[in-house]
PDB file of N, CA and C in Angstrom:
ATOM      1  N   MET A   1       0.793  -1.155   0.005  1.00  0.00           N
ATOM      2  CA  MET A   1      -0.084  -0.022   0.072  1.00  0.00           C
ATOM      3  C   MET A   1       0.848   1.127  -0.048  1.00  0.00           C
ATOM      4  N   SER A   2       0.517   2.178  -0.780  1.00  0.00           N
ATOM      5  CA  SER A   2       1.331   3.315  -1.002  1.00  0.00           C
ATOM      6  C   SER A   2       0.783   4.458  -0.049  1.00  0.00           C
ATOM      7  N   THR A   3       1.703   5.355   0.340  1.00  0.00           N
ATOM      8  CA  THR A   3       1.152   6.465   1.181  1.00  0.00           C
ATOM      9  C   THR A   3       1.653   7.816   0.581  1.00  0.00           C
ATOM     10  N   MET A   4       0.881   8.910   0.847  1.00  0.00           N
ATOM     11  CA  MET A   4       1.369  10.189   0.275  1.00  0.00           C
ATOM     12  C   MET A   4       1.989  11.107   1.286  1.00  0.00           C
ATOM     13  N   LYS A   5       3.193  11.753   1.029  1.00  0.00           N
ATOM     14  CA  LYS A   5       3.661  12.713   1.915  1.00  0.00           C
ATOM     15  C   LYS A   5       3.822  14.022   1.280  1.00  0.00           C
ATOM     16  N   THR A   6       3.364  14.925   1.981  1.00  0.00           N
ATOM     17  CA  THR A   6       3.561  16.377   1.341  1.00  0.00           C
ATOM     18  C   THR A   6       4.537  17.211   2.310  1.00  0.00           C
ATOM     19  N   ILE A   7       5.408  17.912   1.413  1.00  0.00           N
ATOM     20  CA  ILE A   7       6.488  18.749   2.028  1.00  0.00           C
ATOM     21  C   ILE A   7       6.361  19.981   1.594  1.00  0.00           C
ATOM     22  N   ARG A   8       6.749  21.156   2.205  1.00  0.00           N
ATOM     23  CA  ARG A   8       6.767  22.625   1.656  1.00  0.00           C
ATOM     24  C   ARG A   8       8.170  22.862   1.220  1.00  0.00           C
ATOM     25  N   VAL A   9       8.457  23.439   0.156  1.00  0.00           N
ATOM     26  CA  VAL A   9       9.791  23.668  -0.188  1.00  0.00           C
ATOM     27  C   VAL A   9      10.012  25.211  -0.736  1.00  0.00           C
ATOM     28  N   ARG A  10      11.023  25.899  -0.206  1.00  0.00           N
ATOM     29  CA  ARG A  10      11.223  27.197  -0.676  1.00  0.00           C
ATOM     30  C   ARG A  10      12.448  27.073  -1.734  1.00  0.00           C
ATOM     31  N   ILE A  11      12.220  27.677  -2.875  1.00  0.00           N
ATOM     32  CA  ILE A  11      13.108  27.590  -3.939  1.00  0.00           C
ATOM     33  C   ILE A  11      14.172  28.802  -4.020  1.00  0.00           C
ATOM     34  N   LYS A  12      15.337  28.436  -4.306  1.00  0.00           N
ATOM     35  CA  LYS A  12      16.345  29.481  -4.544  1.00  0.00           C
ATOM     36  C   LYS A  12      17.219  29.095  -5.746  1.00  0.00           C
ATOM     37  N   PRO A  13      16.484  29.616  -6.960  1.00  0.00           N
ATOM     38  CA  PRO A  13      17.167  29.278  -8.208  1.00  0.00           C
ATOM     39  C   PRO A  13      18.563  29.979  -8.579  1.00  0.00           C
ATOM     40  N   LYS A  14      19.047  29.406  -9.673  1.00  0.00           N
ATOM     41  CA  LYS A  14      20.430  30.070 -10.027  1.00  0.00           C
ATOM     42  C   LYS A  14      21.539  29.961  -9.018  1.00  0.00           C
ATOM     43  N   THR A  15      21.708  28.910  -8.219  1.00  0.00           N
ATOM     44  CA  THR A  15      22.745  28.708  -7.210  1.00  0.00           C
ATOM     45  C   THR A  15      24.043  28.177  -7.841  1.00  0.00           C
ATOM     46  N   ARG A  16      25.047  27.906  -7.239  1.00  0.00           N
ATOM     47  CA  ARG A  16      26.127  27.207  -7.744  1.00  0.00           C
ATOM     48  C   ARG A  16      25.980  25.902  -7.615  1.00  0.00           C
ATOM     49  N   VAL A  17      25.423  25.307  -6.559  1.00  0.00           N
ATOM     50  CA  VAL A  17      25.167  23.834  -6.342  1.00  0.00           C
ATOM     51  C   VAL A  17      23.741  23.576  -6.218  1.00  0.00           C
ATOM     52  N   SER A  18      23.424  22.346  -6.542  1.00  0.00           N
ATOM     53  CA  SER A  18      21.946  21.797  -6.262  1.00  0.00           C
ATOM     54  C   SER A  18      21.883  21.065  -5.017  1.00  0.00           C
ATOM     55  N   VAL A  19      21.138  21.610  -4.021  1.00  0.00           N
ATOM     56  CA  VAL A  19      21.038  20.894  -2.785  1.00  0.00           C
ATOM     57  C   VAL A  19      19.608  21.021  -2.162  1.00  0.00           C
ATOM     58  N   LEU A  20      19.250  20.031  -1.438  1.00  0.00           N
ATOM     59  CA  LEU A  20      17.834  20.080  -0.692  1.00  0.00           C
ATOM     60  C   LEU A  20      18.257  19.970   0.887  1.00  0.00           C
ATOM     61  N   ASP A  21      18.106  21.144   1.481  1.00  0.00           N
ATOM     62  CA  ASP A  21      18.427  21.347   2.853  1.00  0.00           C
ATOM     63  C   ASP A  21      17.337  20.777   3.801  1.00  0.00           C
ATOM     64  N   GLU A  22      17.707  20.353   4.893  1.00  0.00           N
ATOM     65  CA  GLU A  22      16.750  19.832   5.953  1.00  0.00           C
ATOM     66  C   GLU A  22      15.726  20.891   6.176  1.00  0.00           C
ATOM     67  N   PRO A  23      14.531  20.412   6.625  1.00  0.00           N
ATOM     68  CA  PRO A  23      13.459  21.577   6.916  1.00  0.00           C
ATOM     69  C   PRO A  23      13.822  22.410   8.088  1.00  0.00           C
ATOM     70  N   ASP A  24      13.383  23.588   8.058  1.00  0.00           N
ATOM     71  CA  ASP A  24      13.583  24.552   9.291  1.00  0.00           C
ATOM     72  C   ASP A  24      12.609  24.393  10.243  1.00  0.00           C
ATOM     73  N   ALA A  25      12.539  25.257  11.256  1.00  0.00           N
ATOM     74  CA  ALA A  25      11.703  25.067  12.496  1.00  0.00           C
ATOM     75  C   ALA A  25      10.168  24.994  12.083  1.00  0.00           C
ATOM     76  N   ASP A  26       9.765  25.639  10.927  1.00  0.00           N
ATOM     77  CA  ASP A  26       8.529  25.672  10.296  1.00  0.00           C
ATOM     78  C   ASP A  26       8.264  24.407   9.349  1.00  0.00           C
ATOM     79  N   GLY A  27       9.179  23.572   9.281  1.00  0.00           N
ATOM     80  CA  GLY A  27       8.930  22.395   8.414  1.00  0.00           C
ATOM     81  C   GLY A  27       9.216  22.740   6.947  1.00  0.00           C
ATOM     82  N   VAL A  28       9.815  23.705   6.581  1.00  0.00           N
ATOM     83  CA  VAL A  28       9.863  24.280   5.256  1.00  0.00           C
ATOM     84  C   VAL A  28      11.289  23.789   4.740  1.00  0.00           C
ATOM     85  N   TRP A  29      11.434  22.988   3.702  1.00  0.00           N
ATOM     86  CA  TRP A  29      12.782  22.590   3.109  1.00  0.00           C
ATOM     87  C   TRP A  29      13.252  23.743   2.230  1.00  0.00           C
ATOM     88  N   LEU A  30      14.628  23.835   2.046  1.00  0.00           N
ATOM     89  CA  LEU A  30      15.128  24.839   1.108  1.00  0.00           C
ATOM     90  C   LEU A  30      15.864  24.050   0.148  1.00  0.00           C
ATOM     91  N   ALA A  31      15.435  24.433  -1.209  1.00  0.00           N
ATOM     92  CA  ALA A  31      16.085  23.834  -2.476  1.00  0.00           C
ATOM     93  C   ALA A  31      16.791  24.869  -3.060  1.00  0.00           C
ATOM     94  N   GLN A  32      18.213  24.618  -3.004  1.00  0.00           N
ATOM     95  CA  GLN A  32      19.051  25.530  -3.903  1.00  0.00           C
ATOM     96  C   GLN A  32      19.217  24.833  -5.290  1.00  0.00           C
ATOM     97  N   LEU A  33      18.949  25.639  -6.430  1.00  0.00           N
ATOM     98  CA  LEU A  33      18.926  24.865  -7.624  1.00  0.00           C
ATOM     99  C   LEU A  33      19.735  25.597  -8.642  1.00  0.00           C
ATOM    100  N   LYS A  34      20.479  24.914  -9.533  1.00  0.00           N
ATOM    101  CA  LYS A  34      21.335  25.512 -10.441  1.00  0.00           C
ATOM    102  C   LYS A  34      20.510  26.144 -11.517  1.00  0.00           C
ATOM    103  N   SER A  35      19.444  25.507 -11.854  1.00  0.00           N
ATOM    104  CA  SER A  35      18.611  25.916 -13.096  1.00  0.00           C
ATOM    105  C   SER A  35      17.959  27.110 -12.774  1.00  0.00           C
ATOM    106  N   PRO A  36      17.740  28.031 -13.863  1.00  0.00           N
ATOM    107  CA  PRO A  36      17.002  29.242 -13.805  1.00  0.00           C
ATOM    108  C   PRO A  36      15.421  28.923 -13.820  1.00  0.00           C
ATOM    109  N   PRO A  37      14.648  29.777 -13.288  1.00  0.00           N
ATOM    110  CA  PRO A  37      13.251  29.415 -13.385  1.00  0.00           C
ATOM    111  C   PRO A  37      12.549  29.814 -14.640  1.00  0.00           C
ATOM    112  N   ILE A  38      13.072  29.244 -15.685  1.00  0.00           N
ATOM    113  CA  ILE A  38      12.563  29.304 -17.135  1.00  0.00           C
ATOM    114  C   ILE A  38      12.161  28.256 -17.766  1.00  0.00           C
ATOM    115  N   ASP A  39      11.107  28.209 -18.533  1.00  0.00           N
ATOM    116  CA  ASP A  39      10.597  27.049 -19.172  1.00  0.00           C
ATOM    117  C   ASP A  39      10.542  25.637 -18.265  1.00  0.00           C
ATOM    118  N   GLY A  40      10.258  25.835 -16.979  1.00  0.00           N
ATOM    119  CA  GLY A  40      10.079  24.674 -16.098  1.00  0.00           C
ATOM    120  C   GLY A  40      11.495  24.022 -15.769  1.00  0.00           C
ATOM    121  N   LYS A  41      12.433  24.480 -16.128  1.00  0.00           N
ATOM    122  CA  LYS A  41      13.777  23.866 -15.697  1.00  0.00           C
ATOM    123  C   LYS A  41      13.974  23.681 -14.369  1.00  0.00           C
ATOM    124  N   ALA A  42      13.710  24.718 -13.493  1.00  0.00           N
ATOM    125  CA  ALA A  42      13.881  24.621 -12.147  1.00  0.00           C
ATOM    126  C   ALA A  42      12.943  23.602 -11.435  1.00  0.00           C
ATOM    127  N   ASN A  43      11.640  23.531 -11.914  1.00  0.00           N
ATOM    128  CA  ASN A  43      10.765  22.531 -11.458  1.00  0.00           C
ATOM    129  C   ASN A  43      11.356  21.149 -11.682  1.00  0.00           C
ATOM    130  N   GLU A  44      11.833  20.850 -12.953  1.00  0.00           N
ATOM    131  CA  GLU A  44      12.244  19.424 -13.434  1.00  0.00           C
ATOM    132  C   GLU A  44      13.348  19.164 -12.391  1.00  0.00           C
ATOM    133  N   GLU A  45      14.405  20.206 -12.159  1.00  0.00           N
ATOM    134  CA  GLU A  45      15.533  19.832 -11.364  1.00  0.00           C
ATOM    135  C   GLU A  45      15.117  19.620  -9.841  1.00  0.00           C
ATOM    136  N   LEU A  46      14.027  20.269  -9.413  1.00  0.00           N
ATOM    137  CA  LEU A  46      13.461  20.156  -7.982  1.00  0.00           C
ATOM    138  C   LEU A  46      13.015  18.819  -7.975  1.00  0.00           C
ATOM    139  N   ILE A  47      12.046  18.300  -8.911  1.00  0.00           N
ATOM    140  CA  ILE A  47      11.501  16.981  -8.792  1.00  0.00           C
ATOM    141  C   ILE A  47      12.656  15.876  -8.687  1.00  0.00           C
ATOM    142  N   ALA A  48      13.743  16.128  -9.468  1.00  0.00           N
ATOM    143  CA  ALA A  48      14.765  15.180  -9.495  1.00  0.00           C
ATOM    144  C   ALA A  48      15.513  15.150  -8.086  1.00  0.00           C
ATOM    145  N   LEU A  49      15.568  16.303  -7.543  1.00  0.00           N
ATOM    146  CA  LEU A  49      16.428  16.336  -6.275  1.00  0.00           C
ATOM    147  C   LEU A  49      15.526  15.814  -5.211  1.00  0.00           C
ATOM    148  N   VAL A  50      14.232  15.957  -5.176  1.00  0.00           N
ATOM    149  CA  VAL A  50      13.332  15.485  -4.231  1.00  0.00           C
ATOM    150  C   VAL A  50      13.337  13.933  -4.314  1.00  0.00           C
ATOM    151  N   ALA A  51      13.301  13.413  -5.572  1.00  0.00           N
ATOM    152  CA  ALA A  51      13.215  11.983  -5.731  1.00  0.00           C
ATOM    153  C   ALA A  51      14.459  11.170  -5.339  1.00  0.00           C
ATOM    154  N   GLN A  52      15.636  11.935  -5.521  1.00  0.00           N
ATOM    155  CA  GLN A  52      16.934  11.421  -5.146  1.00  0.00           C
ATOM    156  C   GLN A  52      16.954  11.466  -3.557  1.00  0.00           C
ATOM    157  N   ARG A  53      16.557  12.432  -2.981  1.00  0.00           N
ATOM    158  CA  ARG A  53      16.557  12.564  -1.495  1.00  0.00           C
ATOM    159  C   ARG A  53      15.735  11.576  -0.812  1.00  0.00           C
ATOM    160  N   PHE A  54      14.559  11.275  -1.387  1.00  0.00           N
ATOM    161  CA  PHE A  54      13.536  10.293  -0.779  1.00  0.00           C
ATOM    162  C   PHE A  54      13.833   8.947  -1.386  1.00  0.00           C
ATOM    163  N   ALA A  55      14.679   8.699  -2.246  1.00  0.00           N
ATOM    164  CA  ALA A  55      14.844   7.390  -2.842  1.00  0.00           C
ATOM    165  C   ALA A  55      13.610   6.873  -3.500  1.00  0.00           C
ATOM    166  N   CYS A  56      12.950   7.611  -4.416  1.00  0.00           N
ATOM    167  CA  CYS A  56      11.899   7.223  -5.172  1.00  0.00           C
ATOM    168  C   CYS A  56      12.019   7.681  -6.557  1.00  0.00           C
ATOM    169  N   PRO A  57      11.199   7.014  -7.398  1.00  0.00           N
ATOM    170  CA  PRO A  57      11.306   7.487  -8.774  1.00  0.00           C
ATOM    171  C   PRO A  57      10.776   8.812  -9.071  1.00  0.00           C
ATOM    172  N   LYS A  58      11.135   9.559 -10.134  1.00  0.00           N
ATOM    173  CA  LYS A  58      10.696  10.867 -10.350  1.00  0.00           C
ATOM    174  C   LYS A  58       9.222  11.001 -10.552  1.00  0.00           C
ATOM    175  N   SER A  59       8.841   9.895 -11.113  1.00  0.00           N
ATOM    176  CA  SER A  59       7.296   9.870 -11.311  1.00  0.00           C
ATOM    177  C   SER A  59       6.476   9.722 -10.014  1.00  0.00           C
ATOM    178  N   ALA A  60       7.126   9.410  -8.903  1.00  0.00           N
ATOM    179  CA  ALA A  60       6.346   9.656  -7.662  1.00  0.00           C
ATOM    180  C   ALA A  60       6.395  10.958  -7.086  1.00  0.00           C
ATOM    181  N   VAL A  61       6.924  11.982  -7.608  1.00  0.00           N
ATOM    182  CA  VAL A  61       7.068  13.202  -7.026  1.00  0.00           C
ATOM    183  C   VAL A  61       6.155  14.205  -8.023  1.00  0.00           C
ATOM    184  N   SER A  62       5.358  14.975  -7.335  1.00  0.00           N
ATOM    185  CA  SER A  62       4.656  15.953  -8.146  1.00  0.00           C
ATOM    186  C   SER A  62       4.536  17.383  -7.428  1.00  0.00           C
ATOM    187  N   ILE A  63       4.322  18.329  -8.170  1.00  0.00           N
ATOM    188  CA  ILE A  63       4.234  19.709  -7.499  1.00  0.00           C
ATOM    189  C   ILE A  63       2.630  19.879  -7.531  1.00  0.00           C
ATOM    190  N   LYS A  64       2.258  19.992  -6.270  1.00  0.00           N
ATOM    191  CA  LYS A  64       0.853  20.125  -5.957  1.00  0.00           C
ATOM    192  C   LYS A  64       0.383  21.649  -6.111  1.00  0.00           C
ATOM    193  N   SER A  65       1.245  22.557  -5.628  1.00  0.00           N
ATOM    194  CA  SER A  65       0.909  23.976  -5.678  1.00  0.00           C
ATOM    195  C   SER A  65       2.120  24.690  -5.813  1.00  0.00           C
ATOM    196  N   GLY A  66       2.099  25.923  -6.363  1.00  0.00           N
ATOM    197  CA  GLY A  66       3.215  26.803  -6.345  1.00  0.00           C
ATOM    198  C   GLY A  66       4.028  26.595  -7.558  1.00  0.00           C
ATOM    199  N   VAL A  67       3.519  25.950  -8.717  1.00  0.00           N
ATOM    200  CA  VAL A  67       4.455  25.753  -9.941  1.00  0.00           C
ATOM    201  C   VAL A  67       5.135  27.061 -10.354  1.00  0.00           C
ATOM    202  N   THR A  68       4.498  28.241 -10.316  1.00  0.00           N
ATOM    203  CA  THR A  68       5.289  29.421 -10.660  1.00  0.00           C
ATOM    204  C   THR A  68       5.816  30.218  -9.516  1.00  0.00           C
ATOM    205  N   SER A  69       5.686  29.710  -8.324  1.00  0.00           N
ATOM    206  CA  SER A  69       6.049  30.444  -7.092  1.00  0.00           C
ATOM    207  C   SER A  69       7.411  29.901  -6.533  1.00  0.00           C
ATOM    208  N   ARG A  70       8.092  30.612  -5.552  1.00  0.00           N
ATOM    209  CA  ARG A  70       9.189  30.282  -4.971  1.00  0.00           C
ATOM    210  C   ARG A  70       8.963  29.273  -3.810  1.00  0.00           C
ATOM    211  N   MET A  71       7.664  29.270  -3.424  1.00  0.00           N
ATOM    212  CA  MET A  71       7.180  28.399  -2.152  1.00  0.00           C
ATOM    213  C   MET A  71       6.279  27.364  -2.950  1.00  0.00           C
ATOM    214  N   LYS A  72       6.607  26.112  -2.755  1.00  0.00           N
ATOM    215  CA  LYS A  72       5.902  24.999  -3.452  1.00  0.00           C
ATOM    216  C   LYS A  72       5.430  23.996  -2.473  1.00  0.00           C
ATOM    217  N   ARG A  73       4.386  23.240  -2.718  1.00  0.00           N
ATOM    218  CA  ARG A  73       3.911  22.009  -1.951  1.00  0.00           C
ATOM    219  C   ARG A  73       4.119  20.893  -2.877  1.00  0.00           C
ATOM    220  N   ILE A  74       5.028  19.951  -2.482  1.00  0.00           N
ATOM    221  CA  ILE A  74       5.506  18.770  -3.211  1.00  0.00           C
ATOM    222  C   ILE A  74       4.802  17.596  -2.506  1.00  0.00           C
ATOM    223  N   GLN A  75       4.277  16.694  -3.456  1.00  0.00           N
ATOM    224  CA  GLN A  75       3.656  15.513  -2.929  1.00  0.00           C
ATOM    225  C   GLN A  75       4.602  14.342  -3.312  1.00  0.00           C
ATOM    226  N   ILE A  76       4.780  13.403  -2.480  1.00  0.00           N
ATOM    227  CA  ILE A  76       5.762  12.237  -2.713  1.00  0.00           C
ATOM    228  C   ILE A  76       5.000  11.022  -2.416  1.00  0.00           C
ATOM    229  N   LYS A  77       4.841  10.208  -3.323  1.00  0.00           N
ATOM    230  CA  LYS A  77       4.075   8.887  -3.222  1.00  0.00           C
ATOM    231  C   LYS A  77       5.064   7.885  -2.697  1.00  0.00           C
ATOM    232  N   GLU A  78       4.894   7.435  -1.576  1.00  0.00           N
ATOM    233  CA  GLU A  78       5.873   6.391  -0.933  1.00  0.00           C
ATOM    234  C   GLU A  78       5.084   5.036  -0.994  1.00  0.00           C
ATOM    235  N   SER A  79       5.981   4.051  -1.487  1.00  0.00           N
ATOM    236  CA  SER A  79       5.449   2.823  -1.549  1.00  0.00           C
ATOM    237  C   SER A  79       5.750   1.820  -0.279  1.00  0.00           C
TER     238      SER A  79
END
């Protein structure tokens, strides 16, 4: 049976390295992304980063809200 997990992520695009930092006191993760927020490149990189961090396929990760915002709600399907 699979379960859904939702996390909130604050995006910082155009950084030197791509990294997903642990959540802060409010439970918000910080994603530093190399990609610029153009043509969905940053969103694609974010999905790959979250999938890698939670050891799941990219298809199990989706952006539920905030597609064009720096604050996003990400849903992860865990098996």
